[in-house]
């Protein structure tokens, strides 16, 4: 499979071959969904927290005598049925949302998502980008010349201050290292812009 290759000036230079082992994988909706749920779950923090009857302050004294009042017997005003009492099955901050998924399945889901993007012409390539001083305006001008309608995920092979600093203040654009490619970003951004060297780096990392 091939995709369009653009120069730093925004001109189309031709096409570039995409490795079929990463960009021609059958679409697996269920596997992609499983990988996305795993990623979101593993970033989730258990911030909601309620106290049990043992943790709520007060309630050491029996509220009233055991017999003779006509009411149901009660041992503490911090029992769950009392207002201000403890919660029975409330959320706790020690809950673990972590989910496991085999490495081979995670990679297959990633390649399936990349293949879907490639099959729908949502992947383009950039020959390179160099500048004397990182400027958001110049990089934004380049993106406007490319076939990007809504938003874009920019994939670079290694740390590149020219691109990272130039793109960080552009709305609807995100720069990511190729080894940090993930399902969530591929789902979030419509277009994926690969630097030409990032495709070679992709093969180097994921062919092991």
N, C-alpha and C. Protein backbone atom coordinates (compact mmCIF):
# COMPACT_ATOMS: atom_id res chain seq x y z
N UNK A 1 0.84 -1.19 0.00
CA UNK A 1 0.00 0.00 0.00
C UNK A 1 0.88 1.25 0.00
N UNK A 2 0.45 2.25 -0.75
CA UNK A 2 1.22 3.48 -0.86
C UNK A 2 0.41 4.65 -0.30
N UNK A 3 1.13 5.70 0.10
CA UNK A 3 0.48 6.92 0.56
C UNK A 3 1.24 8.12 0.01
N UNK A 4 0.59 9.27 0.00
CA UNK A 4 1.19 10.47 -0.58
C UNK A 4 2.32 10.99 0.31
N UNK A 5 3.38 11.45 -0.34
CA UNK A 5 4.54 12.03 0.35
C UNK A 5 4.62 13.51 0.01
N UNK A 6 4.75 14.35 1.05
CA UNK A 6 4.78 15.80 0.86
C UNK A 6 6.12 16.36 1.35
N UNK A 7 6.49 17.50 0.76
CA UNK A 7 7.72 18.18 1.15
C UNK A 7 7.42 19.19 2.25
N UNK A 8 8.46 19.84 2.75
CA UNK A 8 8.29 20.83 3.81
C UNK A 8 7.52 22.05 3.34
N UNK A 9 7.50 22.27 2.04
CA UNK A 9 6.77 23.41 1.48
C UNK A 9 5.29 23.09 1.26
N UNK A 10 4.90 21.84 1.49
CA UNK A 10 3.52 21.44 1.30
C UNK A 10 3.22 20.89 -0.08
N UNK A 11 4.25 20.75 -0.91
CA UNK A 11 4.06 20.23 -2.27
C UNK A 11 4.13 18.70 -2.26
N UNK A 12 3.32 18.09 -3.11
CA UNK A 12 3.32 16.64 -3.21
C UNK A 12 4.55 16.18 -3.99
N UNK A 13 5.34 15.30 -3.37
CA UNK A 13 6.58 14.82 -3.98
C UNK A 13 6.41 13.48 -4.67
N UNK A 14 5.30 12.81 -4.40
CA UNK A 14 5.09 11.48 -4.96
C UNK A 14 4.40 10.60 -3.93
N UNK A 15 4.79 9.33 -3.93
CA UNK A 15 4.21 8.39 -2.97
C UNK A 15 5.31 7.64 -2.25
N UNK A 16 4.94 7.01 -1.15
CA UNK A 16 5.87 6.21 -0.37
C UNK A 16 5.18 4.90 -0.01
N UNK A 17 5.95 3.83 -0.02
CA UNK A 17 5.40 2.50 0.27
C UNK A 17 5.25 2.31 1.77
N UNK A 18 4.07 1.85 2.17
CA UNK A 18 3.82 1.54 3.58
C UNK A 18 3.99 0.04 3.80
N UNK A 19 4.72 -0.36 4.84
CA UNK A 19 4.95 -1.79 5.09
C UNK A 19 3.64 -2.55 5.26
N UNK A 20 3.46 -3.59 4.49
CA UNK A 20 2.18 -4.32 4.51
C UNK A 20 1.93 -5.03 5.83
N UNK A 21 3.02 -5.36 6.58
CA UNK A 21 2.83 -6.05 7.86
C UNK A 21 2.24 -5.14 8.93
N UNK A 22 2.21 -3.83 8.68
CA UNK A 22 1.65 -2.88 9.64
C UNK A 22 0.43 -2.14 9.09
N UNK A 23 0.33 -2.03 7.77
CA UNK A 23 -0.72 -1.21 7.17
C UNK A 23 -1.67 -1.99 6.26
N UNK A 24 -1.58 -3.31 6.27
CA UNK A 24 -2.50 -4.13 5.48
C UNK A 24 -3.01 -5.30 6.31
N UNK A 25 -3.34 -5.02 7.57
CA UNK A 25 -3.86 -6.03 8.48
C UNK A 25 -5.39 -5.97 8.45
N UNK A 26 -6.08 -7.12 8.45
CA UNK A 26 -7.55 -7.11 8.46
C UNK A 26 -8.10 -6.34 9.66
N UNK A 27 -9.18 -5.61 9.43
CA UNK A 27 -9.78 -4.80 10.48
C UNK A 27 -10.45 -5.70 11.52
N UNK A 28 -10.09 -5.49 12.80
CA UNK A 28 -10.64 -6.29 13.90
C UNK A 28 -11.24 -5.33 14.92
N UNK A 29 -12.52 -5.06 14.77
CA UNK A 29 -13.20 -4.08 15.61
C UNK A 29 -13.18 -4.47 17.09
N UNK A 30 -13.43 -5.74 17.37
CA UNK A 30 -13.50 -6.20 18.76
C UNK A 30 -12.15 -6.09 19.45
N UNK A 31 -11.08 -6.41 18.74
CA UNK A 31 -9.74 -6.35 19.32
C UNK A 31 -9.34 -4.90 19.59
N UNK A 32 -9.69 -4.00 18.68
CA UNK A 32 -9.39 -2.58 18.85
C UNK A 32 -10.15 -2.03 20.06
N UNK A 33 -11.41 -2.43 20.19
CA UNK A 33 -12.21 -1.99 21.33
C UNK A 33 -11.61 -2.49 22.64
N UNK A 34 -11.18 -3.74 22.65
CA UNK A 34 -10.57 -4.31 23.85
C UNK A 34 -9.30 -3.55 24.23
N UNK A 35 -8.48 -3.20 23.24
CA UNK A 35 -7.24 -2.48 23.50
C UNK A 35 -7.53 -1.06 24.00
N UNK A 36 -8.56 -0.43 23.45
CA UNK A 36 -8.93 0.92 23.87
C UNK A 36 -9.45 0.93 25.31
N UNK A 37 -10.31 -0.03 25.64
CA UNK A 37 -10.83 -0.13 27.01
C UNK A 37 -9.70 -0.37 27.99
N UNK A 38 -8.75 -1.21 27.61
CA UNK A 38 -7.59 -1.47 28.47
C UNK A 38 -6.78 -0.20 28.71
N UNK A 39 -6.51 0.55 27.65
CA UNK A 39 -5.71 1.77 27.80
C UNK A 39 -6.41 2.80 28.68
N UNK A 40 -7.69 2.99 28.48
CA UNK A 40 -8.44 3.95 29.29
C UNK A 40 -8.52 3.50 30.75
N UNK A 41 -8.71 2.20 30.96
CA UNK A 41 -8.81 1.68 32.32
C UNK A 41 -7.49 1.84 33.07
N UNK A 42 -6.38 1.64 32.36
CA UNK A 42 -5.07 1.69 33.02
C UNK A 42 -4.62 3.11 33.34
N UNK A 43 -5.31 4.09 32.80
CA UNK A 43 -5.00 5.49 33.15
C UNK A 43 -6.01 6.04 34.17
N UNK A 44 -6.97 5.21 34.55
CA UNK A 44 -8.03 5.67 35.46
C UNK A 44 -7.54 5.67 36.90
N UNK A 45 -7.85 6.72 37.62
CA UNK A 45 -7.48 6.85 39.03
C UNK A 45 -8.72 6.70 39.90
N UNK A 46 -8.56 5.96 40.98
CA UNK A 46 -9.67 5.75 41.92
C UNK A 46 -9.71 6.93 42.90
N UNK A 47 -10.37 8.00 42.51
CA UNK A 47 -10.41 9.20 43.36
C UNK A 47 -11.65 9.23 44.25
N UNK A 48 -12.76 8.62 43.80
CA UNK A 48 -13.98 8.61 44.61
C UNK A 48 -13.78 7.70 45.82
N UNK A 49 -14.19 8.18 46.99
CA UNK A 49 -13.96 7.39 48.21
C UNK A 49 -15.04 7.68 49.24
N UNK A 50 -15.62 6.63 49.78
CA UNK A 50 -16.60 6.77 50.86
C UNK A 50 -16.10 6.02 52.08
N UNK A 51 -16.62 6.40 53.25
CA UNK A 51 -16.20 5.78 54.50
C UNK A 51 -17.20 4.69 54.92
N UNK A 52 -16.66 3.64 55.52
CA UNK A 52 -17.50 2.61 56.10
C UNK A 52 -17.93 3.05 57.50
N UNK A 53 -18.78 2.27 58.16
CA UNK A 53 -19.25 2.63 59.50
C UNK A 53 -18.10 2.65 60.52
N UNK A 54 -17.03 1.92 60.21
CA UNK A 54 -15.88 1.89 61.12
C UNK A 54 -15.04 3.15 61.00
N UNK A 55 -15.18 3.89 59.88
CA UNK A 55 -14.34 5.06 59.64
C UNK A 55 -15.05 6.39 59.93
N UNK A 56 -16.38 6.35 59.99
CA UNK A 56 -17.12 7.59 60.24
C UNK A 56 -16.94 7.99 61.71
N UNK A 57 -16.72 9.28 61.90
CA UNK A 57 -16.47 9.76 63.27
C UNK A 57 -17.75 9.74 64.11
N UNK A 58 -17.61 9.40 65.40
CA UNK A 58 -18.74 9.41 66.33
C UNK A 58 -19.43 8.07 66.39
N UNK A 59 -20.57 8.05 67.09
CA UNK A 59 -21.38 6.83 67.16
C UNK A 59 -20.89 5.81 68.16
N UNK A 60 -20.10 6.22 69.12
CA UNK A 60 -19.59 5.25 70.10
C UNK A 60 -20.63 4.85 71.13
N UNK A 61 -21.58 5.73 71.36
CA UNK A 61 -22.61 5.45 72.38
C UNK A 61 -23.87 4.91 71.71
N UNK A 62 -24.51 3.97 72.39
CA UNK A 62 -25.78 3.44 71.89
C UNK A 62 -26.81 4.57 71.89
N UNK A 63 -27.52 4.81 70.78
CA UNK A 63 -28.40 5.99 70.69
C UNK A 63 -29.56 5.98 71.69
N UNK A 64 -30.12 4.83 71.97
CA UNK A 64 -31.16 4.72 73.01
C UNK A 64 -31.20 3.28 73.50
N UNK A 65 -31.95 3.07 74.58
CA UNK A 65 -31.94 1.76 75.22
C UNK A 65 -32.50 0.68 74.29
N UNK A 66 -32.15 -0.54 74.61
CA UNK A 66 -32.48 -1.67 73.74
C UNK A 66 -33.99 -1.91 73.67
N UNK A 67 -34.66 -1.85 74.77
CA UNK A 67 -36.07 -2.21 74.81
C UNK A 67 -36.93 -1.08 75.35
N UNK A 68 -38.20 -1.13 75.09
CA UNK A 68 -39.16 -0.25 75.70
C UNK A 68 -39.45 1.04 74.96
N UNK A 69 -38.79 1.30 73.84
CA UNK A 69 -39.02 2.56 73.12
C UNK A 69 -40.03 2.40 71.99
N UNK A 70 -40.26 1.18 71.57
CA UNK A 70 -41.16 0.96 70.43
C UNK A 70 -40.43 1.05 69.09
N UNK A 71 -39.17 1.47 69.12
CA UNK A 71 -38.38 1.56 67.88
C UNK A 71 -37.55 0.30 67.68
N UNK A 72 -37.02 0.15 66.47
CA UNK A 72 -36.12 -0.97 66.22
C UNK A 72 -34.84 -0.76 67.01
N UNK A 73 -34.23 -1.84 67.44
CA UNK A 73 -32.99 -1.71 68.23
C UNK A 73 -31.86 -1.14 67.36
N UNK A 74 -31.08 -0.28 67.94
CA UNK A 74 -29.97 0.37 67.24
C UNK A 74 -28.74 0.36 68.13
N UNK A 75 -27.59 0.12 67.49
CA UNK A 75 -26.36 0.09 68.27
C UNK A 75 -25.48 1.31 68.06
N UNK A 76 -25.65 2.01 66.93
CA UNK A 76 -24.80 3.16 66.64
C UNK A 76 -25.49 4.07 65.64
N UNK A 77 -25.31 5.37 65.82
CA UNK A 77 -25.88 6.32 64.86
C UNK A 77 -25.04 6.38 63.58
N UNK A 78 -23.93 5.65 63.51
CA UNK A 78 -23.08 5.60 62.31
C UNK A 78 -23.32 4.34 61.49
N UNK A 79 -24.40 3.61 61.81
CA UNK A 79 -24.78 2.47 60.98
C UNK A 79 -25.27 2.97 59.62
N UNK A 80 -25.16 2.16 58.58
CA UNK A 80 -25.51 2.62 57.23
C UNK A 80 -26.93 3.15 57.08
N UNK A 81 -27.88 2.68 57.89
CA UNK A 81 -29.25 3.13 57.72
C UNK A 81 -29.51 4.50 58.32
N UNK A 82 -28.55 5.05 59.06
CA UNK A 82 -28.71 6.37 59.67
C UNK A 82 -28.15 7.46 58.73
N UNK A 83 -28.79 8.63 58.80
CA UNK A 83 -28.26 9.77 58.06
C UNK A 83 -26.90 10.14 58.64
N UNK A 84 -25.91 10.29 57.78
CA UNK A 84 -24.56 10.58 58.24
C UNK A 84 -23.77 9.34 58.61
N UNK A 85 -24.38 8.17 58.40
CA UNK A 85 -23.68 6.92 58.71
C UNK A 85 -22.75 6.49 57.59
N UNK A 86 -22.14 5.33 57.78
CA UNK A 86 -21.21 4.82 56.77
C UNK A 86 -21.94 4.27 55.56
N UNK A 87 -21.18 4.13 54.45
CA UNK A 87 -21.74 3.56 53.22
C UNK A 87 -21.41 2.08 53.15
N UNK A 88 -22.34 1.29 52.59
CA UNK A 88 -22.13 -0.15 52.54
C UNK A 88 -21.27 -0.54 51.35
N UNK A 89 -21.62 -0.29 50.17
CA UNK A 89 -20.80 -0.71 49.03
C UNK A 89 -20.41 0.51 48.19
N UNK A 90 -19.95 1.56 48.84
CA UNK A 90 -19.56 2.78 48.15
C UNK A 90 -18.19 2.64 47.48
N UNK A 91 -17.83 3.59 46.61
CA UNK A 91 -16.52 3.55 45.94
C UNK A 91 -15.37 3.74 46.93
N UNK A 92 -14.26 3.07 46.68
CA UNK A 92 -13.10 3.15 47.56
C UNK A 92 -11.87 3.57 46.74
N UNK A 93 -10.96 4.30 47.38
CA UNK A 93 -9.79 4.80 46.64
C UNK A 93 -8.68 3.77 46.50
N UNK A 94 -8.92 2.55 46.95
CA UNK A 94 -7.93 1.49 46.77
C UNK A 94 -8.33 0.53 45.65
N UNK A 95 -9.35 0.89 44.89
CA UNK A 95 -9.79 0.02 43.80
C UNK A 95 -8.77 0.04 42.66
N UNK A 96 -8.54 -1.10 42.07
CA UNK A 96 -7.56 -1.23 40.98
C UNK A 96 -8.30 -1.50 39.67
N UNK A 97 -8.18 -0.58 38.73
CA UNK A 97 -8.86 -0.72 37.44
C UNK A 97 -7.96 -1.37 36.37
N UNK A 98 -6.76 -1.76 36.75
CA UNK A 98 -5.77 -2.25 35.78
C UNK A 98 -6.27 -3.48 35.03
N UNK A 99 -6.03 -3.49 33.73
CA UNK A 99 -6.41 -4.63 32.88
C UNK A 99 -5.21 -5.15 32.12
N UNK A 100 -5.15 -6.45 31.98
CA UNK A 100 -4.07 -7.10 31.24
C UNK A 100 -4.51 -7.36 29.80
N UNK A 101 -3.54 -7.41 28.91
CA UNK A 101 -3.79 -7.80 27.52
C UNK A 101 -2.47 -8.26 26.93
N UNK A 102 -2.44 -9.43 26.31
CA UNK A 102 -1.18 -9.94 25.74
C UNK A 102 -0.55 -8.96 24.75
N UNK A 103 0.77 -8.93 24.75
CA UNK A 103 1.52 -8.00 23.90
C UNK A 103 1.19 -8.21 22.42
N UNK A 104 1.07 -9.46 22.01
CA UNK A 104 0.76 -9.74 20.60
C UNK A 104 -0.61 -9.19 20.21
N UNK A 105 -1.57 -9.28 21.12
CA UNK A 105 -2.90 -8.75 20.83
C UNK A 105 -2.89 -7.22 20.78
N UNK A 106 -2.12 -6.61 21.68
CA UNK A 106 -2.03 -5.14 21.67
C UNK A 106 -1.45 -4.64 20.35
N UNK A 107 -0.41 -5.31 19.89
CA UNK A 107 0.23 -4.90 18.64
C UNK A 107 -0.69 -5.16 17.44
N UNK A 108 -1.39 -6.29 17.47
CA UNK A 108 -2.30 -6.60 16.38
C UNK A 108 -3.41 -5.56 16.30
N UNK A 109 -3.89 -5.12 17.47
CA UNK A 109 -4.93 -4.08 17.50
C UNK A 109 -4.40 -2.77 16.93
N UNK A 110 -3.16 -2.43 17.29
CA UNK A 110 -2.54 -1.19 16.79
C UNK A 110 -2.38 -1.25 15.27
N UNK A 111 -1.90 -2.37 14.76
CA UNK A 111 -1.69 -2.50 13.31
C UNK A 111 -3.03 -2.53 12.57
N UNK A 112 -4.04 -3.09 13.22
CA UNK A 112 -5.37 -3.11 12.61
C UNK A 112 -5.92 -1.69 12.48
N UNK A 113 -5.69 -0.87 13.52
CA UNK A 113 -6.14 0.53 13.48
C UNK A 113 -5.37 1.32 12.42
N UNK A 114 -4.07 1.08 12.33
CA UNK A 114 -3.25 1.75 11.30
C UNK A 114 -3.70 1.34 9.90
N UNK A 115 -4.03 0.06 9.74
CA UNK A 115 -4.48 -0.43 8.44
C UNK A 115 -5.80 0.20 8.04
N UNK A 116 -6.68 0.37 9.02
CA UNK A 116 -7.96 1.02 8.75
C UNK A 116 -7.74 2.46 8.28
N UNK A 117 -6.82 3.16 8.96
CA UNK A 117 -6.50 4.53 8.57
C UNK A 117 -5.95 4.58 7.16
N UNK A 118 -5.02 3.66 6.87
CA UNK A 118 -4.39 3.64 5.55
C UNK A 118 -5.42 3.32 4.47
N UNK A 119 -6.32 2.39 4.76
CA UNK A 119 -7.33 2.01 3.78
C UNK A 119 -8.34 3.10 3.49
N UNK A 120 -8.47 4.06 4.41
CA UNK A 120 -9.42 5.17 4.22
C UNK A 120 -8.69 6.48 3.90
N UNK A 121 -7.44 6.37 3.42
CA UNK A 121 -6.66 7.55 3.00
C UNK A 121 -6.50 8.58 4.11
N UNK A 122 -6.33 8.11 5.33
CA UNK A 122 -6.17 9.01 6.47
C UNK A 122 -4.73 9.06 6.97
N UNK A 123 -3.81 8.49 6.19
CA UNK A 123 -2.39 8.53 6.53
C UNK A 123 -1.63 9.22 5.40
N UNK A 124 -0.82 10.22 5.77
CA UNK A 124 0.04 10.90 4.81
C UNK A 124 1.46 10.96 5.39
N UNK A 125 2.42 11.26 4.53
CA UNK A 125 3.82 11.27 4.95
C UNK A 125 4.46 12.62 4.63
N UNK A 126 5.41 13.00 5.48
CA UNK A 126 6.15 14.25 5.30
C UNK A 126 7.62 13.91 5.14
N UNK A 127 8.23 14.48 4.11
CA UNK A 127 9.63 14.16 3.81
C UNK A 127 10.56 14.55 4.95
N UNK A 128 10.31 15.67 5.60
CA UNK A 128 11.14 16.14 6.70
C UNK A 128 10.75 17.56 7.06
N UNK A 129 11.29 18.01 8.18
CA UNK A 129 11.01 19.39 8.60
C UNK A 129 12.21 19.94 9.36
N UNK A 130 12.75 21.04 8.85
CA UNK A 130 13.88 21.71 9.49
C UNK A 130 13.64 23.21 9.49
N UNK A 131 14.05 23.86 10.55
CA UNK A 131 13.91 25.31 10.66
C UNK A 131 15.00 25.86 11.57
N UNK A 132 15.37 27.12 11.34
CA UNK A 132 16.40 27.74 12.17
C UNK A 132 15.91 27.96 13.59
N UNK A 133 14.61 28.30 13.69
CA UNK A 133 14.02 28.55 15.00
C UNK A 133 12.57 28.07 14.98
N UNK A 134 12.18 27.25 15.97
CA UNK A 134 10.81 26.75 15.99
C UNK A 134 9.78 27.87 16.02
N UNK A 135 8.85 27.84 15.07
CA UNK A 135 7.80 28.85 15.01
C UNK A 135 6.46 28.17 14.71
N UNK A 136 5.49 28.46 15.56
CA UNK A 136 4.17 27.86 15.41
C UNK A 136 3.52 28.30 14.09
N UNK A 137 3.70 29.56 13.74
CA UNK A 137 3.05 30.09 12.55
C UNK A 137 3.51 29.36 11.29
N UNK A 138 4.82 29.12 11.18
CA UNK A 138 5.35 28.45 9.99
C UNK A 138 4.84 27.02 9.90
N UNK A 139 4.84 26.32 11.02
CA UNK A 139 4.40 24.93 11.00
C UNK A 139 2.89 24.84 10.74
N UNK A 140 2.15 25.77 11.27
CA UNK A 140 0.70 25.78 11.04
C UNK A 140 0.39 26.06 9.58
N UNK A 141 1.20 26.91 8.96
CA UNK A 141 1.04 27.19 7.53
C UNK A 141 1.27 25.93 6.71
N UNK A 142 2.27 25.13 7.12
CA UNK A 142 2.54 23.85 6.43
C UNK A 142 1.35 22.91 6.55
N UNK A 143 0.79 22.79 7.76
CA UNK A 143 -0.33 21.87 7.98
C UNK A 143 -1.55 22.28 7.15
N UNK A 144 -1.74 23.59 6.96
CA UNK A 144 -2.88 24.06 6.18
C UNK A 144 -2.73 23.73 4.69
N UNK A 145 -1.49 23.55 4.24
CA UNK A 145 -1.25 23.19 2.85
C UNK A 145 -1.46 21.70 2.59
N UNK A 146 -1.45 20.91 3.67
CA UNK A 146 -1.62 19.47 3.54
C UNK A 146 -3.11 19.11 3.57
N UNK A 147 -3.49 17.94 3.05
CA UNK A 147 -4.91 17.55 3.03
C UNK A 147 -5.42 17.13 4.41
N UNK A 148 -5.48 18.11 5.31
CA UNK A 148 -5.94 17.87 6.68
C UNK A 148 -7.18 18.74 6.91
N UNK A 149 -8.32 18.11 7.08
CA UNK A 149 -9.57 18.87 7.23
C UNK A 149 -9.86 19.22 8.69
N UNK A 150 -9.60 18.29 9.60
CA UNK A 150 -10.04 18.49 10.97
C UNK A 150 -8.88 18.53 11.96
N UNK A 151 -8.27 17.38 12.23
CA UNK A 151 -7.18 17.32 13.20
C UNK A 151 -6.13 16.32 12.72
N UNK A 152 -4.96 16.34 13.37
CA UNK A 152 -3.87 15.51 12.89
C UNK A 152 -2.99 15.04 14.03
N UNK A 153 -2.55 13.80 13.92
CA UNK A 153 -1.57 13.21 14.84
C UNK A 153 -0.24 13.13 14.09
N UNK A 154 0.77 13.83 14.61
CA UNK A 154 2.07 13.90 13.93
C UNK A 154 3.01 12.89 14.58
N UNK A 155 3.49 11.94 13.80
CA UNK A 155 4.34 10.85 14.32
C UNK A 155 5.78 11.10 13.89
N UNK A 156 6.68 11.22 14.88
CA UNK A 156 8.09 11.49 14.60
C UNK A 156 8.95 10.32 15.08
N UNK A 157 10.12 10.10 14.46
CA UNK A 157 10.95 8.94 14.82
C UNK A 157 11.68 9.09 16.15
N UNK A 158 12.13 10.30 16.45
CA UNK A 158 12.78 10.58 17.73
C UNK A 158 12.49 12.02 18.12
N UNK A 159 12.97 12.43 19.29
CA UNK A 159 12.69 13.78 19.76
C UNK A 159 13.18 14.81 18.74
N UNK A 160 12.30 15.72 18.41
CA UNK A 160 12.60 16.75 17.42
C UNK A 160 12.02 18.07 17.93
N UNK A 161 12.87 18.91 18.49
CA UNK A 161 12.41 20.15 19.11
C UNK A 161 11.78 21.09 18.07
N UNK A 162 12.25 21.04 16.82
CA UNK A 162 11.68 21.90 15.79
C UNK A 162 10.19 21.63 15.61
N UNK A 163 9.82 20.36 15.56
CA UNK A 163 8.42 20.00 15.35
C UNK A 163 7.64 20.07 16.66
N UNK A 164 8.23 19.56 17.74
CA UNK A 164 7.51 19.51 19.01
C UNK A 164 7.18 20.90 19.55
N UNK A 165 8.13 21.83 19.45
CA UNK A 165 7.88 23.19 19.93
C UNK A 165 6.99 23.98 18.98
N UNK A 166 7.10 23.68 17.68
CA UNK A 166 6.31 24.42 16.70
C UNK A 166 4.84 24.00 16.71
N UNK A 167 4.57 22.77 17.13
CA UNK A 167 3.21 22.24 17.02
C UNK A 167 2.44 22.22 18.33
N UNK A 168 3.12 22.47 19.45
CA UNK A 168 2.44 22.25 20.73
C UNK A 168 1.31 23.24 21.01
N UNK A 169 1.31 24.41 20.36
CA UNK A 169 0.24 25.39 20.58
C UNK A 169 -0.79 25.41 19.46
N UNK A 170 -0.70 24.44 18.56
CA UNK A 170 -1.67 24.38 17.46
C UNK A 170 -2.87 23.55 17.90
N UNK A 171 -4.06 24.13 17.87
CA UNK A 171 -5.25 23.35 18.24
C UNK A 171 -5.45 22.16 17.31
N UNK A 172 -5.95 21.08 17.84
CA UNK A 172 -6.27 19.88 17.06
C UNK A 172 -5.05 19.25 16.39
N UNK A 173 -3.88 19.42 17.01
CA UNK A 173 -2.67 18.77 16.52
C UNK A 173 -1.88 18.24 17.71
N UNK A 174 -1.34 17.05 17.56
CA UNK A 174 -0.54 16.44 18.62
C UNK A 174 0.65 15.73 18.01
N UNK A 175 1.82 15.90 18.64
CA UNK A 175 3.04 15.24 18.18
C UNK A 175 3.39 14.11 19.13
N UNK A 176 3.74 12.96 18.56
CA UNK A 176 4.02 11.77 19.37
C UNK A 176 5.18 11.00 18.76
N UNK A 177 6.00 10.39 19.62
CA UNK A 177 7.08 9.53 19.13
C UNK A 177 6.47 8.24 18.61
N UNK A 178 7.09 7.66 17.60
CA UNK A 178 6.53 6.48 16.95
C UNK A 178 6.42 5.30 17.92
N UNK A 179 7.32 5.20 18.89
CA UNK A 179 7.26 4.10 19.84
C UNK A 179 6.15 4.28 20.88
N UNK A 180 5.50 5.46 20.88
CA UNK A 180 4.37 5.70 21.79
C UNK A 180 3.03 5.69 21.05
N UNK A 181 3.00 5.19 19.84
CA UNK A 181 1.75 5.08 19.11
C UNK A 181 0.75 4.25 19.91
N UNK A 182 -0.49 4.70 19.96
CA UNK A 182 -1.47 4.00 20.78
C UNK A 182 -2.86 4.11 20.15
N UNK A 183 -3.72 3.22 20.60
CA UNK A 183 -5.08 3.11 20.07
C UNK A 183 -5.88 4.39 20.32
N UNK A 184 -5.77 4.96 21.49
CA UNK A 184 -6.59 6.12 21.85
C UNK A 184 -6.33 7.30 20.91
N UNK A 185 -5.06 7.59 20.63
CA UNK A 185 -4.74 8.71 19.74
C UNK A 185 -5.18 8.42 18.31
N UNK A 186 -5.04 7.17 17.88
CA UNK A 186 -5.46 6.82 16.52
C UNK A 186 -6.98 6.95 16.38
N UNK A 187 -7.72 6.71 17.46
CA UNK A 187 -9.16 6.86 17.43
C UNK A 187 -9.57 8.33 17.49
N UNK A 188 -8.77 9.12 18.20
CA UNK A 188 -9.13 10.52 18.44
C UNK A 188 -8.87 11.41 17.24
N UNK A 189 -7.75 11.20 16.55
CA UNK A 189 -7.36 12.10 15.45
C UNK A 189 -7.74 11.49 14.10
N UNK A 190 -8.26 12.35 13.23
CA UNK A 190 -8.71 11.88 11.92
C UNK A 190 -7.54 11.53 11.01
N UNK A 191 -6.58 12.43 10.88
CA UNK A 191 -5.42 12.21 10.02
C UNK A 191 -4.19 11.85 10.83
N UNK A 192 -3.32 11.04 10.23
CA UNK A 192 -2.04 10.70 10.85
C UNK A 192 -0.94 11.11 9.88
N UNK A 193 -0.05 11.99 10.35
CA UNK A 193 1.05 12.48 9.53
C UNK A 193 2.36 11.84 10.01
N UNK A 194 2.90 10.94 9.19
CA UNK A 194 4.15 10.28 9.51
C UNK A 194 5.31 11.04 8.88
N UNK A 195 6.34 11.31 9.66
CA UNK A 195 7.59 11.71 9.04
C UNK A 195 8.16 10.49 8.31
N UNK A 196 8.81 10.71 7.20
CA UNK A 196 9.31 9.59 6.40
C UNK A 196 10.18 8.65 7.23
N UNK A 197 11.05 9.21 8.08
CA UNK A 197 11.94 8.38 8.89
C UNK A 197 11.17 7.63 9.97
N UNK A 198 9.99 8.12 10.34
CA UNK A 198 9.19 7.46 11.37
C UNK A 198 8.67 6.12 10.88
N UNK A 199 8.44 5.99 9.58
CA UNK A 199 7.96 4.71 9.03
C UNK A 199 9.08 3.68 9.12
N UNK A 200 10.31 4.10 8.83
CA UNK A 200 11.45 3.18 8.98
C UNK A 200 11.65 2.80 10.45
N UNK A 201 11.45 3.78 11.34
CA UNK A 201 11.59 3.51 12.77
C UNK A 201 10.50 2.56 13.25
N UNK A 202 9.32 2.67 12.66
CA UNK A 202 8.21 1.76 12.99
C UNK A 202 8.59 0.33 12.68
N UNK A 203 9.18 0.13 11.53
CA UNK A 203 9.62 -1.22 11.15
C UNK A 203 10.71 -1.72 12.09
N UNK A 204 11.62 -0.84 12.48
CA UNK A 204 12.72 -1.22 13.36
C UNK A 204 12.22 -1.64 14.74
N UNK A 205 11.22 -0.93 15.25
CA UNK A 205 10.73 -1.20 16.62
C UNK A 205 9.84 -2.43 16.66
N UNK A 206 8.88 -2.50 15.74
CA UNK A 206 7.84 -3.53 15.84
C UNK A 206 8.15 -4.80 15.04
N UNK A 207 9.27 -4.84 14.37
CA UNK A 207 9.64 -6.06 13.65
C UNK A 207 10.45 -7.01 14.51
N UNK A 208 10.78 -6.56 15.73
CA UNK A 208 11.60 -7.39 16.62
C UNK A 208 10.75 -8.53 17.17
